Amino acid sequence: MEISNYKKSELLINLTEELLAVEKNRLSGVTDCTLNELDKYLDNVIAETEKNCTDYQYVKTQNTQFL
């Protein structure tokens, strides 16, 4: 077997294992979300935190340090 064929076989085996793991999780009830759904959720969490925070300026300052 040539090295390129071996590498392709390894990639296919790895992909198959990943897909089987995802399917197993799906069947057991594990839920995932898309990146857009996660982004929307995190935006809501941040907005809710800012709304309920008494020290809003501190939160705003802390968030801008990581951007």
N, C-alpha and C. Protein backbone atom coordinates (compact mmCIF):
# COMPACT_ATOMS: atom_id res chain seq x y z
N MET A 1 0.85 -1.18 0.00
CA MET A 1 0.00 0.00 0.00
C MET A 1 0.90 1.24 0.00
N GLU A 2 0.60 2.17 -0.88
CA GLU A 2 1.37 3.41 -0.93
C GLU A 2 1.04 4.28 0.27
N ILE A 3 1.96 5.16 0.58
CA ILE A 3 1.79 6.03 1.75
C ILE A 3 0.57 6.94 1.58
N SER A 4 0.35 7.47 0.38
CA SER A 4 -0.81 8.35 0.17
C SER A 4 -2.11 7.59 0.38
N ASN A 5 -2.17 6.35 -0.07
CA ASN A 5 -3.38 5.54 0.16
C ASN A 5 -3.55 5.23 1.63
N TYR A 6 -2.45 4.97 2.31
CA TYR A 6 -2.50 4.70 3.75
C TYR A 6 -3.02 5.91 4.51
N LYS A 7 -2.53 7.10 4.16
CA LYS A 7 -2.98 8.33 4.82
C LYS A 7 -4.47 8.57 4.57
N LYS A 8 -4.92 8.31 3.33
CA LYS A 8 -6.35 8.48 3.03
C LYS A 8 -7.18 7.50 3.85
N SER A 9 -6.69 6.26 3.96
CA SER A 9 -7.41 5.26 4.75
C SER A 9 -7.49 5.68 6.22
N GLU A 10 -6.40 6.19 6.76
CA GLU A 10 -6.38 6.66 8.14
C GLU A 10 -7.37 7.80 8.34
N LEU A 11 -7.41 8.74 7.40
CA LEU A 11 -8.35 9.87 7.50
C LEU A 11 -9.78 9.38 7.47
N LEU A 12 -10.08 8.43 6.60
CA LEU A 12 -11.43 7.89 6.52
C LEU A 12 -11.81 7.15 7.80
N ILE A 13 -10.87 6.40 8.35
CA ILE A 13 -11.14 5.69 9.60
C ILE A 13 -11.41 6.69 10.72
N ASN A 14 -10.60 7.73 10.81
CA ASN A 14 -10.81 8.76 11.85
C ASN A 14 -12.14 9.46 11.68
N LEU A 15 -12.49 9.80 10.44
CA LEU A 15 -13.77 10.46 10.18
C LEU A 15 -14.93 9.54 10.55
N THR A 16 -14.80 8.27 10.20
CA THR A 16 -15.84 7.30 10.55
C THR A 16 -16.02 7.21 12.06
N GLU A 17 -14.92 7.17 12.79
CA GLU A 17 -15.00 7.11 14.26
C GLU A 17 -15.67 8.34 14.83
N GLU A 18 -15.34 9.51 14.29
CA GLU A 18 -15.97 10.75 14.76
C GLU A 18 -17.46 10.76 14.47
N LEU A 19 -17.83 10.35 13.26
CA LEU A 19 -19.25 10.32 12.90
C LEU A 19 -20.02 9.32 13.76
N LEU A 20 -19.43 8.18 14.05
CA LEU A 20 -20.09 7.20 14.92
C LEU A 20 -20.26 7.76 16.33
N ALA A 21 -19.27 8.48 16.83
CA ALA A 21 -19.38 9.09 18.15
C ALA A 21 -20.49 10.14 18.18
N VAL A 22 -20.58 10.94 17.14
CA VAL A 22 -21.63 11.96 17.07
C VAL A 22 -23.00 11.30 17.02
N GLU A 23 -23.13 10.25 16.22
CA GLU A 23 -24.41 9.54 16.12
C GLU A 23 -24.78 8.89 17.44
N LYS A 24 -23.80 8.33 18.14
CA LYS A 24 -24.06 7.72 19.44
C LYS A 24 -24.56 8.77 20.42
N ASN A 25 -23.92 9.94 20.42
CA ASN A 25 -24.37 11.03 21.29
C ASN A 25 -25.78 11.48 20.94
N ARG A 26 -26.06 11.59 19.65
CA ARG A 26 -27.39 12.02 19.20
C ARG A 26 -28.46 11.04 19.67
N LEU A 27 -28.17 9.75 19.53
CA LEU A 27 -29.14 8.73 19.94
C LEU A 27 -29.33 8.70 21.45
N SER A 28 -28.30 9.09 22.20
CA SER A 28 -28.43 9.08 23.67
C SER A 28 -29.04 10.37 24.20
N GLY A 29 -29.37 11.31 23.30
CA GLY A 29 -30.07 12.52 23.72
C GLY A 29 -29.21 13.75 23.89
N VAL A 30 -27.93 13.67 23.59
CA VAL A 30 -27.06 14.83 23.68
C VAL A 30 -27.44 15.81 22.58
N THR A 31 -27.63 17.07 22.95
CA THR A 31 -27.99 18.07 21.95
C THR A 31 -26.81 18.99 21.68
N ASP A 32 -26.66 19.35 20.45
CA ASP A 32 -25.62 20.29 20.03
C ASP A 32 -26.30 21.54 19.49
N CYS A 33 -25.48 22.54 19.22
CA CYS A 33 -26.02 23.74 18.61
C CYS A 33 -25.03 24.24 17.56
N THR A 34 -25.55 25.06 16.67
CA THR A 34 -24.69 25.65 15.65
C THR A 34 -23.91 26.81 16.26
N LEU A 35 -22.90 27.28 15.55
CA LEU A 35 -22.15 28.44 16.02
C LEU A 35 -23.04 29.67 16.12
N ASN A 36 -23.96 29.83 15.18
CA ASN A 36 -24.88 30.97 15.22
C ASN A 36 -25.79 30.90 16.45
N GLU A 37 -26.27 29.70 16.77
CA GLU A 37 -27.11 29.53 17.95
C GLU A 37 -26.32 29.84 19.22
N LEU A 38 -25.08 29.38 19.28
CA LEU A 38 -24.23 29.65 20.44
C LEU A 38 -23.96 31.14 20.57
N ASP A 39 -23.67 31.80 19.45
CA ASP A 39 -23.41 33.24 19.46
C ASP A 39 -24.62 34.01 19.97
N LYS A 40 -25.79 33.62 19.50
CA LYS A 40 -27.02 34.28 19.92
C LYS A 40 -27.26 34.06 21.42
N TYR A 41 -27.04 32.83 21.89
CA TYR A 41 -27.21 32.51 23.31
C TYR A 41 -26.26 33.34 24.17
N LEU A 42 -24.99 33.40 23.77
CA LEU A 42 -24.01 34.16 24.56
C LEU A 42 -24.31 35.65 24.54
N ASP A 43 -24.78 36.18 23.40
CA ASP A 43 -25.19 37.58 23.35
C ASP A 43 -26.32 37.85 24.35
N ASN A 44 -27.27 36.91 24.44
CA ASN A 44 -28.37 37.08 25.39
C ASN A 44 -27.88 37.03 26.83
N VAL A 45 -26.94 36.14 27.12
CA VAL A 45 -26.39 36.04 28.47
C VAL A 45 -25.67 37.33 28.84
N ILE A 46 -24.88 37.87 27.92
CA ILE A 46 -24.15 39.11 28.18
C ILE A 46 -25.12 40.27 28.38
N ALA A 47 -26.14 40.34 27.51
CA ALA A 47 -27.12 41.42 27.63
C ALA A 47 -27.86 41.33 28.96
N GLU A 48 -28.24 40.12 29.36
CA GLU A 48 -28.95 39.94 30.63
C GLU A 48 -28.05 40.30 31.81
N THR A 49 -26.79 39.94 31.73
CA THR A 49 -25.85 40.26 32.80
C THR A 49 -25.65 41.77 32.90
N GLU A 50 -25.50 42.43 31.78
CA GLU A 50 -25.34 43.89 31.79
C GLU A 50 -26.57 44.57 32.34
N LYS A 51 -27.74 44.03 32.03
CA LYS A 51 -28.98 44.63 32.51
C LYS A 51 -29.12 44.48 34.02
N ASN A 52 -28.66 43.36 34.56
CA ASN A 52 -28.84 43.08 35.99
C ASN A 52 -27.65 43.49 36.83
N CYS A 53 -26.58 43.91 36.20
CA CYS A 53 -25.36 44.23 36.94
C CYS A 53 -25.46 45.64 37.51
N THR A 54 -25.12 45.78 38.80
CA THR A 54 -25.16 47.10 39.42
C THR A 54 -23.89 47.88 39.12
N ASP A 55 -22.81 47.17 38.82
CA ASP A 55 -21.54 47.82 38.50
C ASP A 55 -21.26 47.64 37.01
N TYR A 56 -22.13 48.20 36.18
CA TYR A 56 -22.06 48.03 34.73
C TYR A 56 -20.73 48.49 34.16
N GLN A 57 -20.19 49.57 34.64
CA GLN A 57 -18.94 50.10 34.11
C GLN A 57 -17.81 49.10 34.31
N TYR A 58 -17.79 48.40 35.44
CA TYR A 58 -16.75 47.41 35.70
C TYR A 58 -16.85 46.25 34.70
N VAL A 59 -18.05 45.77 34.45
CA VAL A 59 -18.25 44.68 33.49
C VAL A 59 -17.83 45.14 32.10
N LYS A 60 -18.22 46.33 31.71
CA LYS A 60 -17.87 46.86 30.40
C LYS A 60 -16.35 46.97 30.25
N THR A 61 -15.67 47.45 31.27
CA THR A 61 -14.23 47.58 31.24
C THR A 61 -13.57 46.21 31.15
N GLN A 62 -14.05 45.24 31.89
CA GLN A 62 -13.47 43.91 31.88
C GLN A 62 -13.66 43.24 30.52
N ASN A 63 -14.81 43.41 29.89
CA ASN A 63 -15.06 42.80 28.58
C ASN A 63 -14.18 43.38 27.51
N THR A 64 -13.90 44.65 27.53
CA THR A 64 -13.11 45.27 26.46
C THR A 64 -11.66 44.86 26.53
N GLN A 65 -11.19 44.42 27.69
CA GLN A 65 -9.80 43.96 27.80
C GLN A 65 -9.54 42.71 26.99
N PHE A 66 -10.57 41.90 26.77
CA PHE A 66 -10.40 40.62 26.07
C PHE A 66 -10.67 40.74 24.58
N LEU A 67 -11.09 41.89 24.09
CA LEU A 67 -11.40 42.04 22.67
C LEU A 67 -10.20 42.35 21.85
